[in-house]
Structures are given as C-alpha cells and as structure tokens.
Amino acid sequence: MIALLLVAAAAGENRARIGEIEVTGPARDLVLSLGQSAETRIEGELLAGERARLVVPLAARGQGPPSVAPRITWPVEDPLAPAGSARFLGWNADTSGIDRLPPGIVARPRPPAGPDEIELPVAVLALLPAAFLLALLARERRTASVLVSLAGAALCGGWAARDRSRPASGISVLELAQGSGLGLEVRAQFATATLAAADLSATALEVDPEGARVVWVGSFAPGSSWQARSQGSALYLLRARDWTDRSLTREKNELADLAETWLREEGEWTARGAWTLGTPLPPPRSGAAPPGWLSSGLPQGIPVLLGRIEPASGGREEAWIRLTGLR
C-alpha cells in the first residue's frame, strides 16, 4: 500500500482515462466533455441504424476514476429528422501497469519537450541578403522593390512550411533499474501526441503544465489512432515495459545497439562510446559529458548507465536509456 501511495505521489495526473460509449446513428462529430480542461472529439459519421461501441480516452483530472460521466453532444441539422443516440457505459480500470513500477523510476525527471526548430537550407539563407540588395537597388521603382521583397519573404515562408510539414520529432527514454523486470517508457512530444488505439489501455498521459486543457481527437473508423492536443504544453506518454528477457550488464549488452554511452561511478561520469549488442561495456574514453537533462535527478551512491539508442533508418525521434544499479 505504501508503494502504491509513493507511485501516485510521484506521478502526475493521468490525462488518458479510458471509458466506453455506445452510439447509434444518425450521429456525427461527437464531443465528450468533462468541463473546461478536458474534451474528446470523435470525427466522422454513423448513418441511421448503424451502431458502434467505442473505447475512448478522456482527459479527466485528479487521481482515481472520475465520479461523473462525460456529457455527449453532436450537431443536429434537422430537429425533425430521426435522432441518433449515445450513452456512456462506464470507466475502465487502469491497466497501464505503472503502479507496479519501482517508485524511483516513476519519479525520475521527464525529458524536455518543445517546438521543433525550423531549419532553412544554406542556399535559402544566402538568397536573403541578395533579395535585400535587389530591393534596395530597385527602391526608386516602388512596385519592383515591393515584388522583390515579397518574393524573398515567400521563399523563406515556403521552406518554413515545408519544414513544419515533416513529422514532429520527439524524445523517448526507457527508464530501467537493475533488479526490476519492468521499465518505464516515456515518450515526450510538444503540443500533439499520437497514440495507437491498441495502446490506449496500456498508456498514461501526463501534461506539463498539469492543469492545461487537453483535447483527444479520434474517429469512428475501426482501429484508427488517437491524438492528444494541448497548445503550448509538453505531453508525455507513459507505458510500462517488460524487459525480463533482455539483460544489460557490464559483461554483455542484450538490450539494444547504443550509439553513445556514459557510466557514473563514485560520482564521476566517464564516456564509453558506442556499445553494440552482444559485447561487453567499452572502457573509458575521451568524450563529451552526457546531456544535462539526462544525467540530472538520478539516485546517488550507485552506478548509473546512460545511453543513446541507435536510431532506425529515417527516424527523427531521439531514444535514450537510463539504467540505475548497473552490475
């Protein structure tokens, strides 16, 4: 009981409470509301006579299951037409497994999350002073000067929009403690986080700032993903991971290929370079210190291993591990 209380105190609010609803058409674009800070939208349409039973996330606040059912509404264009129906069936029990994790893992600092930086090609940046000079030379011909300025601005704006159209990057961290077969996977995103429908019941969502408004958006399409949106907020998807079949010791790496590693012993960090699967921990070597956010807030007096997982081809998300008590 004490361990459960410690986990609850260390963890933030879970803004991915799971409920079930039953909808009979005609109905479209449902909105489930739990007050000002939480809303779930189900996009799409059910025709007259169609029926769907859906598992939906709701961004309820507080600890434990909510005491009230969400309000369900949808637009009605013709009050005289046959009306559909929607009813809330109840809240599902928390099956994320996070309450079974060691409290120290749950309490570790979350990775940083912020808006992606826009990267403009060098060629585009080189054109900016050229556009300025052309506009300056054509200043006596006002129309031409304005057109040159607008062309330069459009070029930069176009590249910025193109850059933002790429999938949002993020950071994931696998939190591990030697002696525990369960780890915590933390995926950090900014403003928007996507979650597969199959992962709903096994995932918790934390938001920073904690009281920020969260909107979940999904659809009637079977198996479609859900998206959590919270403007200007850091979003953290948390999931317990079983790693009993993969060990990570000084003698052998059976977890993942690590592009960089660091080991802290007796209060000192040493760089160890890349650590590939099936090999022992590399010896100390010269190298930069680990990122500050990754090495802070960890327990003292025990060995700590930090590592950056080798990214998949074409992947933009950074993936890291933090293991305490390396043997």
Protein backbone atom coordinates (compact mmCIF):
# COMPACT_ATOMS: atom_id res chain seq x y z
CA MET A 1 0.00 0.00 0.00
CA ILE A 2 2.84 2.41 0.86
CA ALA A 3 4.50 1.73 -2.51
CA LEU A 4 1.25 2.49 -4.34
CA LEU A 5 0.93 5.77 -2.47
CA LEU A 6 4.50 6.70 -3.37
CA VAL A 7 3.86 5.98 -7.05
CA ALA A 8 0.71 8.09 -7.00
CA ALA A 9 2.56 10.96 -5.34
CA ALA A 10 5.47 10.79 -7.79
CA ALA A 11 3.41 10.52 -10.95
CA GLY A 12 1.48 13.37 -12.49
CA GLU A 13 -2.18 13.18 -13.37
CA ASN A 14 -3.11 10.57 -15.94
CA ARG A 15 -4.98 12.50 -18.64
CA ALA A 16 -5.81 9.35 -20.62
CA ARG A 17 -8.65 7.85 -18.60
CA ILE A 18 -10.43 5.17 -20.59
CA GLY A 19 -14.20 4.92 -20.97
CA GLU A 20 -16.64 3.15 -23.25
CA ILE A 21 -19.56 4.58 -25.19
CA GLU A 22 -22.26 3.15 -27.43
CA VAL A 23 -23.50 5.23 -30.36
CA THR A 24 -26.43 4.60 -32.70
CA GLY A 25 -26.78 6.66 -35.88
CA PRO A 26 -27.56 9.02 -37.29
CA ALA A 27 -24.83 10.88 -35.44
CA ARG A 28 -21.62 12.67 -36.41
CA ASP A 29 -18.74 14.59 -34.88
CA LEU A 30 -19.42 13.64 -31.26
CA VAL A 31 -17.99 15.75 -28.43
CA LEU A 32 -17.49 14.26 -24.96
CA SER A 33 -16.92 16.93 -22.33
CA LEU A 34 -15.70 16.79 -18.74
CA GLY A 35 -15.57 20.52 -18.09
CA GLN A 36 -13.25 23.24 -19.34
CA SER A 37 -10.00 21.27 -19.09
CA ALA A 38 -11.00 18.06 -20.89
CA GLU A 39 -12.70 17.22 -24.17
CA THR A 40 -12.78 14.27 -26.57
CA ARG A 41 -13.87 14.59 -30.19
CA ILE A 42 -14.91 11.68 -32.40
CA GLU A 43 -14.87 12.74 -36.03
CA GLY A 44 -16.88 11.08 -38.76
CA GLU A 45 -20.45 9.87 -39.10
CA LEU A 46 -22.75 6.95 -38.37
CA LEU A 47 -25.74 6.61 -40.66
CA ALA A 48 -29.25 5.81 -39.45
CA GLY A 49 -29.31 2.35 -37.90
CA GLU A 50 -25.51 1.98 -37.68
CA ARG A 51 -24.19 1.18 -34.24
CA ALA A 52 -20.71 1.43 -32.77
CA ARG A 53 -19.21 0.62 -29.38
CA LEU A 54 -16.03 2.61 -28.83
CA VAL A 55 -13.22 2.69 -26.28
CA VAL A 56 -12.30 6.36 -25.88
CA PRO A 57 -9.69 8.35 -23.92
CA LEU A 58 -10.85 11.27 -21.78
CA ALA A 59 -8.57 13.84 -20.19
CA ALA A 60 -10.17 13.70 -16.73
CA ARG A 61 -8.28 15.41 -13.92
CA GLY A 62 -7.49 14.12 -10.43
CA GLN A 63 -6.42 10.74 -9.09
CA GLY A 64 -8.68 7.71 -9.39
CA PRO A 65 -11.67 7.21 -11.69
CA PRO A 66 -13.89 10.27 -12.25
CA SER A 67 -17.13 10.40 -10.30
CA VAL A 68 -19.21 11.77 -13.20
CA ALA A 69 -19.96 10.66 -16.74
CA PRO A 70 -18.98 12.92 -19.65
CA ARG A 71 -21.58 14.99 -21.44
CA ILE A 72 -22.05 13.75 -25.02
CA THR A 73 -23.26 16.10 -27.76
CA TRP A 74 -23.24 16.29 -31.57
CA PRO A 75 -24.64 18.71 -34.16
CA VAL A 76 -28.26 18.21 -35.26
CA GLU A 77 -29.08 19.95 -38.54
CA ASP A 78 -32.74 18.97 -38.77
CA PRO A 79 -34.62 18.70 -35.44
CA LEU A 80 -37.47 16.89 -37.21
CA ALA A 81 -35.26 14.14 -38.67
CA PRO A 82 -34.80 10.77 -36.85
CA ALA A 83 -32.39 11.24 -33.96
CA GLY A 84 -29.49 9.01 -33.06
CA SER A 85 -28.38 8.20 -29.52
CA ALA A 86 -25.19 7.96 -27.49
CA ARG A 87 -24.67 6.68 -23.97
CA PHE A 88 -21.69 6.38 -21.68
CA LEU A 89 -21.19 2.78 -20.49
CA GLY A 90 -18.63 3.45 -17.76
CA TRP A 91 -14.98 3.86 -16.89
CA ASN A 92 -12.44 1.08 -17.44
CA ALA A 93 -10.00 0.03 -14.74
CA ASP A 94 -6.42 1.32 -15.03
CA THR A 95 -4.41 -1.45 -16.69
CA SER A 96 -1.30 0.55 -17.62
CA GLY A 97 0.83 -1.32 -15.07
CA ILE A 98 2.60 1.86 -13.98
CA ASP A 99 1.53 1.24 -10.38
CA ARG A 100 3.71 -1.92 -10.41
CA LEU A 101 6.89 0.00 -11.23
CA PRO A 102 9.52 0.90 -8.62
CA PRO A 103 8.60 4.39 -7.29
CA GLY A 104 12.08 5.72 -8.08
CA ILE A 105 11.62 5.03 -11.80
CA VAL A 106 8.28 6.86 -11.94
CA ALA A 107 9.72 9.88 -10.10
CA ARG A 108 12.63 10.49 -12.48
CA PRO A 109 12.63 13.85 -14.31
CA ARG A 110 10.85 13.85 -17.66
CA PRO A 111 12.79 14.58 -20.87
CA PRO A 112 12.49 18.06 -22.41
CA ALA A 113 9.76 18.78 -24.97
CA GLY A 114 9.47 21.94 -27.04
CA PRO A 115 8.54 23.16 -30.53
CA ASP A 116 10.68 21.94 -33.40
CA GLU A 117 13.24 24.40 -34.74
CA ILE A 118 12.84 25.41 -38.38
CA GLU A 119 15.96 24.63 -40.39
CA LEU A 120 16.38 26.65 -43.59
CA PRO A 121 18.86 25.45 -46.23
CA VAL A 122 22.07 27.46 -46.60
CA ALA A 123 21.07 28.36 -50.17
CA VAL A 124 17.85 29.96 -48.94
CA LEU A 125 19.70 31.91 -46.25
CA ALA A 126 22.18 33.13 -48.90
CA LEU A 127 19.33 34.47 -51.02
CA LEU A 128 18.05 36.72 -48.24
CA PRO A 129 20.81 39.37 -48.50
CA ALA A 130 20.57 39.13 -52.29
CA ALA A 131 16.84 39.86 -52.15
CA PHE A 132 17.54 42.79 -49.80
CA LEU A 133 20.13 44.29 -52.18
CA LEU A 134 17.82 43.89 -55.17
CA ALA A 135 15.02 45.59 -53.28
CA LEU A 136 17.43 48.39 -52.30
CA LEU A 137 18.59 48.90 -55.89
CA ALA A 138 15.01 48.97 -57.12
CA ARG A 139 13.81 51.37 -54.40
CA GLU A 140 13.12 54.09 -56.96
CA ARG A 141 10.78 51.72 -58.75
CA ARG A 142 8.45 51.08 -55.86
CA THR A 143 6.46 48.27 -57.46
CA ALA A 144 9.57 46.30 -58.40
CA SER A 145 11.05 46.78 -54.92
CA VAL A 146 7.88 45.51 -53.25
CA LEU A 147 7.73 42.49 -55.56
CA VAL A 148 11.35 41.53 -54.80
CA SER A 149 10.73 41.83 -51.05
CA LEU A 150 7.58 39.71 -51.28
CA ALA A 151 9.38 37.06 -53.33
CA GLY A 152 12.12 36.75 -50.70
CA ALA A 153 9.60 36.50 -47.89
CA ALA A 154 7.55 33.90 -49.79
CA LEU A 155 10.65 31.79 -50.40
CA CYS A 156 11.53 31.66 -46.70
CA GLY A 157 7.92 31.13 -45.70
CA GLY A 158 7.56 28.28 -48.17
CA TRP A 159 10.60 26.48 -46.83
CA ALA A 160 9.42 27.02 -43.24
CA ALA A 161 6.03 25.50 -44.07
CA ARG A 162 7.73 22.60 -45.83
CA ASP A 163 9.91 22.01 -42.77
CA ARG A 164 6.89 22.02 -40.45
CA SER A 165 5.09 19.51 -42.67
CA ARG A 166 7.55 16.82 -41.63
CA PRO A 167 6.54 14.52 -38.74
CA ALA A 168 7.17 16.17 -35.37
CA SER A 169 10.29 14.95 -33.64
CA GLY A 170 10.34 13.93 -30.01
CA ILE A 171 12.36 12.20 -27.30
CA SER A 172 11.76 8.80 -25.75
CA VAL A 173 13.51 7.46 -22.66
CA LEU A 174 13.46 3.91 -21.31
CA GLU A 175 13.81 4.13 -17.53
CA LEU A 176 15.33 0.98 -16.01
CA ALA A 177 16.51 -0.21 -12.61
CA GLN A 178 18.69 -3.29 -12.18
CA GLY A 179 16.74 -5.99 -10.36
CA SER A 180 13.35 -4.93 -11.74
CA GLY A 181 11.92 -6.71 -14.77
CA LEU A 182 9.67 -3.73 -15.51
CA GLY A 183 10.82 -0.46 -17.06
CA LEU A 184 9.05 2.77 -17.90
CA GLU A 185 8.95 4.06 -21.47
CA VAL A 186 8.43 7.83 -21.62
CA ARG A 187 7.69 9.47 -24.98
CA ALA A 188 7.86 13.28 -24.94
CA GLN A 189 6.10 15.40 -27.56
CA PHE A 190 5.16 19.06 -27.76
CA ALA A 191 1.53 20.18 -28.23
CA THR A 192 0.48 16.98 -30.06
CA ALA A 193 0.96 13.28 -29.28
CA THR A 194 -0.37 10.33 -31.28
CA LEU A 195 -1.37 7.00 -29.75
CA ALA A 196 -2.49 3.80 -31.48
CA ALA A 197 -5.94 2.55 -30.49
CA ALA A 198 -4.44 -0.78 -29.40
CA ASP A 199 -2.20 1.02 -26.88
CA LEU A 200 -4.92 3.06 -25.15
CA SER A 201 -5.44 0.83 -22.13
CA ALA A 202 -1.71 0.36 -21.52
CA THR A 203 -0.68 4.04 -21.72
CA ALA A 204 -0.93 7.02 -19.39
CA LEU A 205 -0.66 10.67 -20.43
CA GLU A 206 0.97 13.41 -18.36
CA VAL A 207 0.79 17.09 -19.28
CA ASP A 208 3.03 19.98 -18.29
CA PRO A 209 1.66 22.36 -17.08
CA GLU A 210 -0.53 19.90 -15.23
CA GLY A 211 -3.79 21.83 -15.46
CA ALA A 212 -3.56 22.56 -19.19
CA ARG A 213 -6.58 21.89 -21.38
CA VAL A 214 -6.30 18.59 -23.29
CA VAL A 215 -8.38 17.58 -26.30
CA TRP A 216 -8.37 13.99 -27.56
CA VAL A 217 -9.31 13.55 -31.23
CA GLY A 218 -10.25 10.24 -32.87
CA SER A 219 -12.74 8.85 -35.37
CA PHE A 220 -15.39 6.19 -35.85
CA ALA A 221 -13.05 4.24 -38.15
CA PRO A 222 -12.16 0.88 -36.52
CA GLY A 223 -8.59 0.77 -35.21
CA SER A 224 -7.82 4.41 -36.01
CA SER A 225 -5.27 6.22 -33.86
CA TRP A 226 -5.97 8.92 -31.27
CA GLN A 227 -4.28 12.28 -30.96
CA ALA A 228 -3.87 14.28 -27.75
CA ARG A 229 -3.64 18.04 -28.29
CA SER A 230 -2.67 20.68 -25.74
CA GLN A 231 -1.46 24.00 -27.09
CA GLY A 232 1.90 25.11 -25.70
CA SER A 233 2.21 22.05 -23.43
CA ALA A 234 4.64 19.18 -23.06
CA LEU A 235 2.91 15.82 -23.46
CA TYR A 236 4.32 12.60 -22.00
CA LEU A 237 3.03 9.15 -22.98
CA LEU A 238 3.99 6.64 -20.28
CA ARG A 239 3.95 2.88 -20.63
CA ALA A 240 5.32 0.00 -18.54
CA ARG A 241 7.70 -2.25 -20.47
CA ASP A 242 8.73 -5.83 -19.62
CA TRP A 243 12.44 -6.38 -20.21
CA THR A 244 12.98 -9.64 -18.29
CA ASP A 245 14.12 -11.35 -21.50
CA ARG A 246 16.82 -8.75 -22.24
CA SER A 247 19.65 -8.12 -19.79
CA LEU A 248 22.13 -5.26 -19.71
CA THR A 249 25.25 -5.94 -17.63
CA ARG A 250 28.89 -4.97 -17.84
CA GLU A 251 29.61 -8.38 -19.39
CA LYS A 252 27.04 -8.23 -22.19
CA ASN A 253 24.58 -5.86 -23.88
CA GLU A 254 21.38 -7.71 -24.76
CA LEU A 255 19.13 -4.63 -24.86
CA ALA A 256 19.87 -2.53 -27.96
CA ASP A 257 22.67 -1.03 -30.04
CA LEU A 258 23.77 2.13 -28.23
CA ALA A 259 25.37 4.91 -30.27
CA GLU A 260 26.77 6.63 -27.15
CA THR A 261 27.11 5.60 -23.51
CA TRP A 262 28.21 7.09 -20.21
CA LEU A 263 28.79 5.46 -16.83
CA ARG A 264 28.71 7.19 -13.45
CA GLU A 265 30.73 5.56 -10.69
CA GLU A 266 31.77 7.16 -7.39
CA GLY A 267 30.21 10.43 -8.53
CA GLU A 268 32.22 10.71 -11.76
CA TRP A 269 30.92 10.39 -15.33
CA THR A 270 33.06 8.66 -17.96
CA ALA A 271 32.27 8.43 -21.67
CA ARG A 272 32.24 4.88 -23.07
CA GLY A 273 31.38 5.49 -26.73
CA ALA A 274 29.23 3.10 -28.76
CA TRP A 275 28.10 -0.18 -27.17
CA THR A 276 26.82 -2.77 -29.64
CA LEU A 277 24.65 -5.80 -28.95
CA GLY A 278 26.43 -8.88 -27.67
CA THR A 279 29.57 -7.08 -26.47
CA PRO A 280 30.86 -6.07 -23.02
CA LEU A 281 30.83 -2.49 -21.73
CA PRO A 282 33.57 -0.48 -23.52
CA PRO A 283 36.39 1.02 -21.45
CA PRO A 284 36.52 4.75 -20.62
CA ARG A 285 37.50 7.10 -23.42
CA SER A 286 37.59 10.82 -24.05
CA GLY A 287 34.26 12.34 -24.96
CA ALA A 288 31.69 14.97 -24.15
CA ALA A 289 29.64 14.83 -20.97
CA PRO A 290 26.09 13.42 -21.15
CA PRO A 291 23.20 15.82 -21.74
CA GLY A 292 22.31 17.68 -18.56
CA TRP A 293 18.63 16.73 -18.64
CA LEU A 294 19.58 13.06 -18.95
CA SER A 295 22.08 12.97 -16.07
CA SER A 296 20.12 15.03 -13.52
CA GLY A 297 17.75 13.89 -10.79
CA LEU A 298 19.18 10.37 -10.52
CA PRO A 299 19.86 8.50 -7.24
CA GLN A 300 23.31 8.90 -5.73
CA GLY A 301 25.72 6.24 -4.48
CA ILE A 302 25.01 3.61 -7.16
CA PRO A 303 26.34 3.10 -10.70
CA VAL A 304 24.23 4.73 -13.43
CA LEU A 305 24.40 3.96 -17.15
CA LEU A 306 23.12 6.41 -19.75
CA GLY A 307 22.86 5.59 -23.43
CA ARG A 308 21.53 6.87 -26.75
CA ILE A 309 19.84 4.14 -28.77
CA GLU A 310 20.94 3.87 -32.39
CA PRO A 311 18.06 5.40 -34.39
CA ALA A 312 16.16 3.48 -37.04
CA SER A 313 16.78 4.47 -40.64
CA GLY A 314 14.99 7.75 -41.36
CA GLY A 315 13.79 8.14 -37.78
CA ARG A 316 13.72 11.61 -36.22
CA GLU A 317 12.88 10.66 -32.64
CA GLU A 318 15.74 10.53 -30.16
CA ALA A 319 15.72 7.42 -27.96
CA TRP A 320 17.68 7.06 -24.71
CA ILE A 321 18.05 4.71 -21.74
CA ARG A 322 18.73 5.40 -18.06
CA LEU A 323 19.72 2.36 -16.00
CA THR A 324 20.46 2.58 -12.30
CA GLY A 325 22.44 -0.10 -10.45
CA LEU A 326 24.44 -1.45 -13.42
CA ARG A 327 26.16 -4.68 -12.39
